[in-house]
Each structure stands twice: as C-alpha cells, then as structure tokens.
N, C-alpha and C. Protein backbone atom coordinates (compact mmCIF):
# COMPACT_ATOMS: atom_id res chain seq x y z
N MET A 1 0.85 -1.17 0.00
CA MET A 1 0.00 0.00 0.00
C MET A 1 0.89 1.23 0.00
N SER A 2 0.77 2.07 -1.03
CA SER A 2 1.55 3.30 -1.06
C SER A 2 0.69 4.45 -1.57
N TYR A 3 1.07 5.64 -1.14
CA TYR A 3 0.37 6.87 -1.52
C TYR A 3 1.42 7.89 -1.92
N VAL A 4 1.00 8.89 -2.66
CA VAL A 4 1.89 9.96 -3.09
C VAL A 4 1.34 11.28 -2.55
N LEU A 5 2.23 12.09 -2.00
CA LEU A 5 1.89 13.45 -1.60
C LEU A 5 2.71 14.39 -2.47
N ILE A 6 2.12 15.50 -2.84
CA ILE A 6 2.83 16.51 -3.64
C ILE A 6 3.08 17.72 -2.76
N VAL A 7 4.34 18.15 -2.71
CA VAL A 7 4.69 19.33 -1.94
C VAL A 7 3.99 20.51 -2.60
N ASP A 8 3.23 21.26 -1.81
CA ASP A 8 2.37 22.32 -2.33
C ASP A 8 2.88 23.72 -1.98
N SER A 9 4.07 23.79 -1.34
CA SER A 9 4.60 25.10 -0.95
C SER A 9 6.12 25.03 -0.85
N GLY A 10 6.75 26.20 -0.81
CA GLY A 10 8.19 26.26 -0.61
C GLY A 10 8.99 25.97 -1.87
N LYS A 11 10.30 25.87 -1.69
CA LYS A 11 11.19 25.70 -2.84
C LYS A 11 11.07 24.32 -3.48
N HIS A 12 10.48 23.36 -2.79
CA HIS A 12 10.30 22.02 -3.35
C HIS A 12 8.89 21.80 -3.91
N LYS A 13 8.17 22.90 -4.15
CA LYS A 13 6.79 22.81 -4.65
C LYS A 13 6.76 21.94 -5.92
N GLY A 14 5.81 21.00 -5.94
CA GLY A 14 5.65 20.10 -7.08
C GLY A 14 6.37 18.77 -6.91
N ARG A 15 7.29 18.69 -5.95
CA ARG A 15 8.02 17.44 -5.70
C ARG A 15 7.06 16.40 -5.14
N LYS A 16 7.21 15.16 -5.60
CA LYS A 16 6.34 14.07 -5.15
C LYS A 16 7.04 13.26 -4.08
N LEU A 17 6.30 12.96 -3.02
CA LEU A 17 6.80 12.13 -1.93
C LEU A 17 5.99 10.84 -1.88
N LYS A 18 6.67 9.71 -1.94
CA LYS A 18 5.98 8.42 -1.90
C LYS A 18 5.95 7.91 -0.46
N ILE A 19 4.76 7.62 0.03
CA ILE A 19 4.58 7.08 1.38
C ILE A 19 4.21 5.60 1.20
N SER A 20 5.17 4.71 1.46
CA SER A 20 4.90 3.30 1.21
C SER A 20 5.23 2.40 2.38
N ARG A 21 5.87 2.94 3.40
CA ARG A 21 6.18 2.11 4.57
C ARG A 21 4.95 2.02 5.47
N ASP A 22 5.09 1.37 6.61
CA ASP A 22 3.95 1.25 7.52
C ASP A 22 3.55 2.61 8.09
N HIS A 23 4.49 3.57 8.10
CA HIS A 23 4.18 4.94 8.52
C HIS A 23 5.34 5.86 8.14
N ALA A 24 5.06 7.14 8.08
CA ALA A 24 6.10 8.14 7.82
C ALA A 24 5.87 9.30 8.78
N ILE A 25 6.88 9.58 9.59
CA ILE A 25 6.77 10.68 10.55
C ILE A 25 7.24 11.97 9.87
N ILE A 26 6.47 13.03 10.07
CA ILE A 26 6.85 14.36 9.60
C ILE A 26 7.29 15.14 10.84
N GLY A 27 8.47 15.73 10.78
CA GLY A 27 8.96 16.51 11.91
C GLY A 27 10.33 17.08 11.60
N ARG A 28 10.92 17.75 12.57
CA ARG A 28 12.25 18.32 12.34
C ARG A 28 13.35 17.44 12.92
N ASP A 29 12.98 16.35 13.59
CA ASP A 29 13.95 15.41 14.16
C ASP A 29 14.68 14.67 13.03
N GLU A 30 15.92 14.31 13.26
CA GLU A 30 16.70 13.61 12.24
C GLU A 30 16.10 12.25 11.88
N SER A 31 15.35 11.65 12.78
CA SER A 31 14.76 10.34 12.51
C SER A 31 13.46 10.43 11.71
N ALA A 32 12.97 11.65 11.47
CA ALA A 32 11.70 11.82 10.73
C ALA A 32 11.89 11.41 9.27
N GLY A 33 10.92 10.72 8.74
CA GLY A 33 10.96 10.32 7.34
C GLY A 33 10.83 11.52 6.40
N ILE A 34 10.02 12.50 6.80
CA ILE A 34 9.88 13.75 6.05
C ILE A 34 10.32 14.85 7.00
N ARG A 35 11.51 15.40 6.76
CA ARG A 35 12.10 16.34 7.69
C ARG A 35 11.84 17.77 7.22
N ILE A 36 11.33 18.60 8.14
CA ILE A 36 11.08 20.02 7.86
C ILE A 36 11.89 20.82 8.88
N ALA A 37 12.86 21.55 8.40
CA ALA A 37 13.75 22.32 9.28
C ALA A 37 13.12 23.67 9.60
N SER A 38 12.20 23.66 10.54
CA SER A 38 11.53 24.89 10.95
C SER A 38 11.18 24.78 12.43
N GLN A 39 11.33 25.88 13.14
CA GLN A 39 10.97 25.89 14.55
C GLN A 39 9.45 25.79 14.75
N GLU A 40 8.67 26.00 13.68
CA GLU A 40 7.21 25.86 13.76
C GLU A 40 6.79 24.39 13.78
N VAL A 41 7.74 23.51 13.49
CA VAL A 41 7.46 22.07 13.41
C VAL A 41 8.06 21.37 14.60
N SER A 42 7.28 20.52 15.26
CA SER A 42 7.77 19.75 16.40
C SER A 42 8.74 18.68 15.91
N ARG A 43 9.54 18.15 16.82
CA ARG A 43 10.51 17.11 16.44
C ARG A 43 9.80 15.94 15.77
N GLN A 44 8.74 15.48 16.36
CA GLN A 44 7.87 14.47 15.75
C GLN A 44 6.48 15.09 15.73
N HIS A 45 6.16 15.74 14.63
CA HIS A 45 4.97 16.58 14.53
C HIS A 45 3.70 15.76 14.26
N CYS A 46 3.74 14.96 13.20
CA CYS A 46 2.59 14.12 12.86
C CYS A 46 3.10 12.86 12.15
N VAL A 47 2.19 11.92 11.96
CA VAL A 47 2.54 10.68 11.27
C VAL A 47 1.51 10.42 10.18
N LEU A 48 1.98 9.88 9.07
CA LEU A 48 1.11 9.46 7.98
C LEU A 48 1.14 7.94 7.94
N ILE A 49 -0.06 7.33 7.93
CA ILE A 49 -0.18 5.88 7.99
C ILE A 49 -0.97 5.39 6.78
N PRO A 50 -0.31 4.67 5.85
CA PRO A 50 -1.05 4.11 4.72
C PRO A 50 -1.94 2.96 5.20
N THR A 51 -3.22 3.02 4.88
CA THR A 51 -4.16 1.95 5.22
C THR A 51 -4.97 1.61 3.98
N PRO A 52 -5.66 0.47 3.97
CA PRO A 52 -6.51 0.15 2.82
C PRO A 52 -7.62 1.18 2.61
N ASP A 53 -8.02 1.89 3.67
CA ASP A 53 -9.09 2.90 3.56
C ASP A 53 -8.58 4.25 3.07
N GLY A 54 -7.27 4.46 3.11
CA GLY A 54 -6.70 5.73 2.68
C GLY A 54 -5.49 6.09 3.52
N LEU A 55 -4.92 7.25 3.24
CA LEU A 55 -3.76 7.73 3.97
C LEU A 55 -4.25 8.48 5.20
N VAL A 56 -3.87 7.99 6.38
CA VAL A 56 -4.33 8.56 7.64
C VAL A 56 -3.29 9.53 8.18
N ALA A 57 -3.72 10.71 8.59
CA ALA A 57 -2.85 11.70 9.23
C ALA A 57 -3.20 11.74 10.71
N ARG A 58 -2.17 11.67 11.55
CA ARG A 58 -2.37 11.72 13.02
C ARG A 58 -1.39 12.73 13.60
N ASP A 59 -1.91 13.73 14.31
CA ASP A 59 -1.06 14.69 14.99
C ASP A 59 -0.42 14.01 16.19
N LEU A 60 0.86 14.25 16.43
CA LEU A 60 1.57 13.62 17.54
C LEU A 60 1.75 14.61 18.69
N GLU A 61 0.65 15.26 19.05
CA GLU A 61 0.64 16.25 20.13
C GLU A 61 1.65 17.35 19.87
N SER A 62 1.67 17.84 18.62
CA SER A 62 2.60 18.88 18.22
C SER A 62 2.23 20.21 18.88
N SER A 63 3.21 21.08 18.97
CA SER A 63 2.98 22.39 19.59
C SER A 63 2.05 23.27 18.78
N ASN A 64 2.20 23.26 17.46
CA ASN A 64 1.44 24.17 16.61
C ASN A 64 0.32 23.51 15.83
N GLY A 65 0.12 22.22 15.99
CA GLY A 65 -0.99 21.54 15.35
C GLY A 65 -0.71 21.12 13.91
N THR A 66 -1.53 20.20 13.43
CA THR A 66 -1.51 19.70 12.07
C THR A 66 -2.86 20.03 11.47
N PHE A 67 -2.89 20.48 10.21
CA PHE A 67 -4.13 20.96 9.61
C PHE A 67 -4.42 20.22 8.31
N VAL A 68 -5.70 19.95 8.08
CA VAL A 68 -6.17 19.41 6.81
C VAL A 68 -7.19 20.40 6.27
N ASN A 69 -6.92 20.91 5.09
CA ASN A 69 -7.77 21.92 4.45
C ASN A 69 -8.02 23.12 5.36
N GLY A 70 -7.00 23.49 6.14
CA GLY A 70 -7.09 24.67 7.01
C GLY A 70 -7.69 24.41 8.38
N ALA A 71 -8.21 23.21 8.62
CA ALA A 71 -8.83 22.90 9.91
C ALA A 71 -7.89 22.00 10.72
N PRO A 72 -7.71 22.30 12.02
CA PRO A 72 -6.83 21.45 12.84
C PRO A 72 -7.41 20.05 12.98
N ILE A 73 -6.53 19.05 12.92
CA ILE A 73 -7.01 17.68 13.12
C ILE A 73 -6.84 17.34 14.60
N LEU A 74 -7.89 16.82 15.17
CA LEU A 74 -7.90 16.50 16.59
C LEU A 74 -7.86 14.99 16.81
N ARG A 75 -8.09 14.25 15.73
CA ARG A 75 -8.04 12.78 15.80
C ARG A 75 -7.57 12.30 14.44
N ASP A 76 -7.41 11.01 14.29
CA ASP A 76 -6.96 10.45 13.02
C ASP A 76 -7.90 10.89 11.90
N THR A 77 -7.32 11.33 10.80
CA THR A 77 -8.09 11.84 9.67
C THR A 77 -7.61 11.16 8.40
N ILE A 78 -8.56 10.59 7.65
CA ILE A 78 -8.22 9.98 6.37
C ILE A 78 -8.21 11.08 5.32
N LEU A 79 -7.06 11.23 4.65
CA LEU A 79 -6.94 12.25 3.61
C LEU A 79 -7.66 11.77 2.35
N GLN A 80 -8.40 12.67 1.74
CA GLN A 80 -9.13 12.40 0.50
C GLN A 80 -8.41 13.09 -0.65
N ALA A 81 -8.68 12.66 -1.88
CA ALA A 81 -8.07 13.29 -3.06
C ALA A 81 -8.31 14.79 -3.03
N GLY A 82 -7.26 15.56 -3.23
CA GLY A 82 -7.36 17.02 -3.24
C GLY A 82 -7.17 17.66 -1.88
N ASP A 83 -7.15 16.88 -0.80
CA ASP A 83 -6.95 17.45 0.54
C ASP A 83 -5.54 18.03 0.66
N VAL A 84 -5.42 19.11 1.44
CA VAL A 84 -4.13 19.74 1.69
C VAL A 84 -3.79 19.57 3.16
N LEU A 85 -2.64 18.94 3.41
CA LEU A 85 -2.11 18.72 4.76
C LEU A 85 -1.08 19.80 5.02
N THR A 86 -1.23 20.56 6.13
CA THR A 86 -0.30 21.63 6.46
C THR A 86 0.39 21.32 7.77
N VAL A 87 1.73 21.34 7.72
CA VAL A 87 2.57 21.10 8.89
C VAL A 87 3.54 22.27 8.96
N GLY A 88 3.35 23.14 9.93
CA GLY A 88 4.18 24.33 10.03
C GLY A 88 4.07 25.15 8.75
N PRO A 89 5.20 25.52 8.13
CA PRO A 89 5.16 26.33 6.92
C PRO A 89 4.94 25.52 5.64
N MET A 90 4.90 24.21 5.74
CA MET A 90 4.81 23.35 4.55
C MET A 90 3.40 22.82 4.34
N SER A 91 3.02 22.73 3.06
CA SER A 91 1.73 22.14 2.69
C SER A 91 1.99 21.01 1.71
N PHE A 92 1.21 19.95 1.86
CA PHE A 92 1.28 18.78 1.00
C PHE A 92 -0.13 18.50 0.49
N ARG A 93 -0.24 18.11 -0.77
CA ARG A 93 -1.55 17.83 -1.35
C ARG A 93 -1.61 16.38 -1.80
N LEU A 94 -2.73 15.71 -1.48
CA LEU A 94 -2.97 14.36 -1.98
C LEU A 94 -3.55 14.54 -3.38
N PRO A 95 -2.86 14.01 -4.41
CA PRO A 95 -3.32 14.26 -5.78
C PRO A 95 -4.70 13.68 -6.06
N GLY A 96 -5.31 14.22 -7.07
CA GLY A 96 -6.63 13.76 -7.48
C GLY A 96 -7.62 14.89 -7.40
N LYS A 97 -8.74 14.65 -8.05
CA LYS A 97 -9.80 15.65 -8.05
C LYS A 97 -10.58 15.54 -6.75
N PRO A 98 -10.77 16.66 -6.04
CA PRO A 98 -11.53 16.61 -4.79
C PRO A 98 -12.94 16.07 -5.02
N ALA A 99 -13.39 15.24 -4.08
CA ALA A 99 -14.76 14.73 -4.14
C ALA A 99 -15.72 15.86 -3.81
N ALA A 100 -16.91 15.79 -4.39
CA ALA A 100 -17.94 16.80 -4.09
C ALA A 100 -18.32 16.68 -2.62
N ARG A 101 -18.30 17.77 -1.95
CA ARG A 101 -18.67 17.78 -0.52
C ARG A 101 -20.11 18.26 -0.40
N PRO A 102 -20.86 17.69 0.56
CA PRO A 102 -22.24 18.12 0.71
C PRO A 102 -22.31 19.60 1.08
N VAL A 103 -23.27 20.28 0.51
CA VAL A 103 -23.46 21.70 0.78
C VAL A 103 -24.74 21.86 1.59
N ALA A 104 -24.64 22.63 2.66
CA ALA A 104 -25.81 22.87 3.51
C ALA A 104 -26.78 23.76 2.76
N PRO A 105 -28.08 23.52 2.88
CA PRO A 105 -29.05 24.37 2.20
C PRO A 105 -29.01 25.78 2.77
N GLU A 106 -29.24 26.75 1.90
CA GLU A 106 -29.24 28.14 2.34
C GLU A 106 -30.48 28.41 3.19
N ALA A 107 -30.28 29.24 4.19
CA ALA A 107 -31.42 29.63 5.03
C ALA A 107 -32.25 30.66 4.28
N PRO A 108 -33.56 30.56 4.35
CA PRO A 108 -34.40 31.54 3.68
C PRO A 108 -34.34 32.87 4.41
N PRO A 109 -34.66 33.96 3.72
CA PRO A 109 -34.65 35.26 4.38
C PRO A 109 -35.61 35.27 5.57
N ASP A 110 -35.25 36.10 6.56
CA ASP A 110 -36.05 36.16 7.78
C ASP A 110 -37.44 36.73 7.57
N ASP A 111 -37.66 37.46 6.46
CA ASP A 111 -38.95 38.12 6.30
C ASP A 111 -40.05 37.15 5.84
N GLN A 112 -39.71 35.90 5.56
CA GLN A 112 -40.76 34.94 5.21
C GLN A 112 -41.36 34.42 6.51
N GLY A 113 -42.65 34.38 6.61
CA GLY A 113 -43.30 33.86 7.81
C GLY A 113 -43.21 32.34 7.82
N LEU A 114 -42.21 31.82 8.48
CA LEU A 114 -42.00 30.37 8.49
C LEU A 114 -42.73 29.75 9.67
N SER A 115 -43.33 28.63 9.40
CA SER A 115 -44.02 27.92 10.47
C SER A 115 -43.10 26.86 11.06
N ASP A 116 -43.53 26.27 12.18
CA ASP A 116 -42.77 25.18 12.79
C ASP A 116 -42.69 23.99 11.85
N ASP A 117 -43.75 23.78 11.01
CA ASP A 117 -43.73 22.67 10.06
C ASP A 117 -42.64 22.86 9.01
N ASP A 118 -42.44 24.12 8.56
CA ASP A 118 -41.38 24.39 7.58
C ASP A 118 -40.01 24.03 8.17
N ILE A 119 -39.79 24.45 9.39
CA ILE A 119 -38.51 24.18 10.05
C ILE A 119 -38.35 22.68 10.29
N ALA A 120 -39.41 21.99 10.68
CA ALA A 120 -39.36 20.55 10.91
C ALA A 120 -38.99 19.82 9.63
N THR A 121 -39.48 20.30 8.48
CA THR A 121 -39.14 19.69 7.20
C THR A 121 -37.65 19.80 6.93
N TRP A 122 -37.04 20.94 7.25
CA TRP A 122 -35.60 21.09 7.05
C TRP A 122 -34.84 20.11 7.93
N LEU A 123 -35.29 19.99 9.19
CA LEU A 123 -34.57 19.15 10.13
C LEU A 123 -34.64 17.67 9.78
N THR A 124 -35.78 17.25 9.27
CA THR A 124 -35.92 15.83 8.96
C THR A 124 -35.44 15.51 7.57
N GLY A 125 -35.39 16.48 6.69
CA GLY A 125 -34.88 16.29 5.34
C GLY A 125 -35.91 15.67 4.42
N PRO A 126 -35.66 15.71 3.12
CA PRO A 126 -36.61 15.22 2.14
C PRO A 126 -36.74 13.70 2.13
N ASP A 127 -35.74 12.98 2.65
CA ASP A 127 -35.79 11.52 2.62
C ASP A 127 -36.50 10.92 3.83
N ALA A 128 -36.87 11.75 4.76
CA ALA A 128 -37.49 11.23 5.97
C ALA A 128 -38.89 10.72 5.67
N GLU A 129 -39.27 9.66 6.35
CA GLU A 129 -40.59 9.08 6.14
C GLU A 129 -41.66 9.85 6.90
N SER A 130 -41.25 10.55 7.92
CA SER A 130 -42.20 11.27 8.74
C SER A 130 -41.68 12.68 8.99
N SER A 131 -42.57 13.64 9.13
CA SER A 131 -42.12 15.00 9.41
C SER A 131 -42.27 15.35 10.88
N GLU A 132 -42.48 14.32 11.71
CA GLU A 132 -42.60 14.59 13.14
C GLU A 132 -41.23 14.86 13.73
N ILE A 133 -41.19 15.77 14.68
CA ILE A 133 -39.95 16.10 15.35
C ILE A 133 -39.82 15.24 16.59
N SER A 134 -38.66 14.61 16.73
CA SER A 134 -38.41 13.78 17.89
C SER A 134 -38.09 14.69 19.08
N SER A 135 -38.44 14.23 20.25
CA SER A 135 -38.16 15.03 21.44
C SER A 135 -36.76 14.74 21.99
N SER A 136 -36.03 13.81 21.35
CA SER A 136 -34.69 13.51 21.84
C SER A 136 -33.72 14.60 21.40
N ASP A 137 -32.55 14.63 22.02
CA ASP A 137 -31.56 15.64 21.66
C ASP A 137 -30.49 15.06 20.74
N THR A 138 -30.78 13.95 20.09
CA THR A 138 -29.84 13.32 19.18
C THR A 138 -30.13 13.77 17.76
N THR A 139 -29.09 14.15 17.05
CA THR A 139 -29.22 14.53 15.66
C THR A 139 -28.71 13.38 14.81
N ILE A 140 -29.49 12.95 13.85
CA ILE A 140 -29.07 11.89 12.95
C ILE A 140 -28.57 12.54 11.68
N ILE A 141 -27.31 12.26 11.34
CA ILE A 141 -26.70 12.84 10.15
C ILE A 141 -26.76 11.81 9.04
N PRO A 142 -27.26 12.18 7.86
CA PRO A 142 -27.30 11.23 6.75
C PRO A 142 -25.90 10.73 6.41
N ALA A 143 -25.81 9.52 5.85
CA ALA A 143 -24.52 8.91 5.54
C ALA A 143 -23.67 9.79 4.65
N THR A 144 -24.28 10.58 3.78
CA THR A 144 -23.50 11.44 2.89
C THR A 144 -22.83 12.58 3.63
N MET A 145 -23.24 12.85 4.85
CA MET A 145 -22.66 13.96 5.60
C MET A 145 -21.82 13.51 6.78
N THR A 146 -21.55 12.20 6.91
CA THR A 146 -20.78 11.73 8.05
C THR A 146 -19.33 12.16 7.91
N PRO A 147 -18.67 12.42 9.02
CA PRO A 147 -17.28 12.87 8.97
C PRO A 147 -16.39 11.80 8.36
N ARG A 148 -15.24 12.25 7.79
CA ARG A 148 -14.30 11.33 7.17
C ARG A 148 -13.32 10.75 8.19
N VAL A 149 -13.52 11.00 9.44
CA VAL A 149 -12.56 10.60 10.45
C VAL A 149 -12.89 9.20 10.96
N GLN A 150 -11.91 8.35 10.97
CA GLN A 150 -12.07 7.02 11.52
C GLN A 150 -10.96 6.80 12.53
N PRO A 151 -11.31 6.44 13.77
CA PRO A 151 -10.26 6.29 14.77
C PRO A 151 -9.37 5.09 14.48
N ILE A 152 -8.09 5.27 14.74
CA ILE A 152 -7.11 4.20 14.66
C ILE A 152 -6.44 4.15 16.01
N PRO A 153 -6.30 2.98 16.59
CA PRO A 153 -5.69 2.94 17.91
C PRO A 153 -4.27 3.52 17.87
N PRO A 154 -3.92 4.34 18.86
CA PRO A 154 -2.60 4.96 18.86
C PRO A 154 -1.50 3.91 19.03
N LYS A 155 -0.37 4.16 18.35
CA LYS A 155 0.77 3.26 18.52
C LYS A 155 1.43 3.58 19.85
N ARG A 156 1.80 2.56 20.57
CA ARG A 156 2.49 2.78 21.84
C ARG A 156 3.95 3.04 21.56
N LYS A 157 4.50 4.01 22.26
CA LYS A 157 5.91 4.30 22.12
C LYS A 157 6.70 3.17 22.77
N LYS A 158 7.75 2.75 22.08
CA LYS A 158 8.60 1.70 22.61
C LYS A 158 9.43 2.29 23.75
N GLU A 159 9.50 1.58 24.84
CA GLU A 159 10.28 2.06 25.98
C GLU A 159 11.60 1.31 26.01
N PHE A 160 12.68 2.04 26.26
CA PHE A 160 14.02 1.47 26.27
C PHE A 160 14.59 1.53 27.67
N LYS A 161 15.41 0.53 27.99
CA LYS A 161 16.03 0.48 29.32
C LYS A 161 17.28 1.35 29.38
N THR A 162 17.97 1.49 28.22
CA THR A 162 19.18 2.30 28.20
C THR A 162 19.20 3.17 26.95
N VAL A 163 20.06 4.17 26.97
CA VAL A 163 20.25 5.03 25.81
C VAL A 163 20.84 4.23 24.65
N ALA A 164 21.73 3.29 24.97
CA ALA A 164 22.35 2.46 23.94
C ALA A 164 21.30 1.62 23.22
N GLU A 165 20.34 1.11 23.96
CA GLU A 165 19.26 0.32 23.38
C GLU A 165 18.42 1.19 22.42
N GLU A 166 18.15 2.42 22.85
CA GLU A 166 17.39 3.33 22.00
C GLU A 166 18.18 3.70 20.74
N ALA A 167 19.48 3.94 20.89
CA ALA A 167 20.33 4.28 19.75
C ALA A 167 20.37 3.12 18.75
N ALA A 168 20.46 1.90 19.25
CA ALA A 168 20.48 0.73 18.37
C ALA A 168 19.16 0.63 17.60
N ASP A 169 18.05 0.94 18.24
CA ASP A 169 16.75 0.90 17.57
C ASP A 169 16.67 2.00 16.49
N ILE A 170 17.17 3.18 16.77
CA ILE A 170 17.17 4.28 15.79
C ILE A 170 18.00 3.88 14.57
N ILE A 171 19.18 3.30 14.80
CA ILE A 171 20.04 2.87 13.70
C ILE A 171 19.36 1.78 12.90
N ARG A 172 18.71 0.82 13.56
CA ARG A 172 18.00 -0.27 12.87
C ARG A 172 16.90 0.31 11.98
N ARG A 173 16.10 1.24 12.53
CA ARG A 173 15.02 1.85 11.75
C ARG A 173 15.56 2.64 10.57
N HIS A 174 16.70 3.31 10.78
CA HIS A 174 17.31 4.07 9.69
C HIS A 174 17.73 3.13 8.56
N HIS A 175 18.37 2.02 8.91
CA HIS A 175 18.77 1.05 7.89
C HIS A 175 17.56 0.47 7.17
N GLU A 176 16.49 0.21 7.90
CA GLU A 176 15.25 -0.31 7.29
C GLU A 176 14.67 0.71 6.31
N SER A 177 14.71 2.01 6.68
CA SER A 177 14.16 3.02 5.79
C SER A 177 15.01 3.16 4.53
N LEU A 178 16.35 3.05 4.68
CA LEU A 178 17.22 3.10 3.51
C LEU A 178 16.94 1.93 2.57
N GLU A 179 16.76 0.76 3.17
CA GLU A 179 16.46 -0.44 2.39
C GLU A 179 15.11 -0.32 1.70
N ALA A 180 14.11 0.20 2.41
CA ALA A 180 12.78 0.38 1.82
C ALA A 180 12.83 1.39 0.68
N ASN A 181 13.58 2.48 0.84
CA ASN A 181 13.72 3.47 -0.23
C ASN A 181 14.41 2.87 -1.44
N ALA A 182 15.45 2.05 -1.21
CA ALA A 182 16.15 1.40 -2.32
C ALA A 182 15.21 0.45 -3.05
N ASN A 183 14.39 -0.29 -2.30
CA ASN A 183 13.42 -1.21 -2.90
C ASN A 183 12.38 -0.45 -3.70
N ASP A 184 11.92 0.70 -3.18
CA ASP A 184 10.93 1.52 -3.87
C ASP A 184 11.51 2.06 -5.18
N GLU A 185 12.76 2.52 -5.13
CA GLU A 185 13.41 3.04 -6.33
C GLU A 185 13.59 1.95 -7.37
N ALA A 186 13.96 0.75 -6.91
CA ALA A 186 14.14 -0.38 -7.83
C ALA A 186 12.80 -0.76 -8.46
N ALA A 187 11.73 -0.70 -7.68
CA ALA A 187 10.40 -1.04 -8.19
C ALA A 187 9.92 0.00 -9.20
N ASP A 188 10.29 1.28 -9.00
CA ASP A 188 9.89 2.36 -9.90
C ASP A 188 10.60 2.26 -11.25
N ASN A 189 11.81 1.68 -11.23
CA ASN A 189 12.59 1.56 -12.48
C ASN A 189 12.24 0.31 -13.16
C-alpha cells in the first residue's frame, strides 16, 4: 500500500513524496521520514499511515498543530483526493480531483413567515418518512454527511532500558528506511 503526496509550498513545490512504509513521521527530528527544518514544526509533529481505507494523518501532540484543508485535526483523519495537509510552513496535497462535498441548504430570508412545520421539514430532510420532530436531543446525520474521520488505535511508544538500546533501535530503523527506499526506487525503475 503506497500513496503519493505533492509538496504544495516552498522551494520544493511540485516534488512528489511516496509514502509506502507502515508509517512516515513528519517533523524536524533527524529520525523523521519527512524532515522540515523549521521551529514551527515539532521534532515528531505528525505521522502518515497508509491503510486500505486511505492515507491517515495523526497529529503527535505537536505544539502548533496539524491541519487538513485549514482545519486542525484532533483525531486520526483519512486524507481524501485534493486534501491539503499543512505542517508548520509546509503544505502537501494528496493528488486527485476533490470529491464533491455536501453543501448545507441556504437559510431563507427572515422576512418569510415560516411555520414550525417548515422548520421541521428542514430538520428531517426530504428523505425522511415522517415530518414529526423527535423530542430527543440526538441529531441523525445522513450517511453522505458523516465525517471522514475514523479512529485508529494509537501506537504505543517503545520504551528502552538504556540510551544504547534506543540508539540501536534508531540505527536499525534508519537502515530499514534506507532499504525500503532502495526497494521503492528499484520497483519504480
């Protein structure tokens, strides 16, 4: 499973980044798969996780937040074609034509004498079988308007007994990423 992100800002605008490993960390730390040298970016700012459902973006409790289409992500978010992921000063776009997003109906002008039945029709929608208003405080959102967010259980940070053990793990992961990049390049050729 691999995805491509296109750099949408800065001197590398237009450059394509292939996300094909189990995850790619974006941050300013040397171990980050996508490194951004900016004080606006946390050492480990966010992670991108390729899944069968799409490319998932997860903020890693960064100082300045991670944004999709200008909105901060508060939980795992599946990126859709055309979405723009912003991390500090950098923006990345998932290629493809954006899907049509549902548009809320416009409110009628206040000068129309609207009855409770008119308002009830808006709340229940045209597909509802009944125009009765429920007394519950639950709002049912049609499937076409459900959020694109699907929770993914957080990965637990590996705990090390010594600094040497942690260093060995960093070196192992670095070698694995070099090997994965070499395999990706060989597959592309």
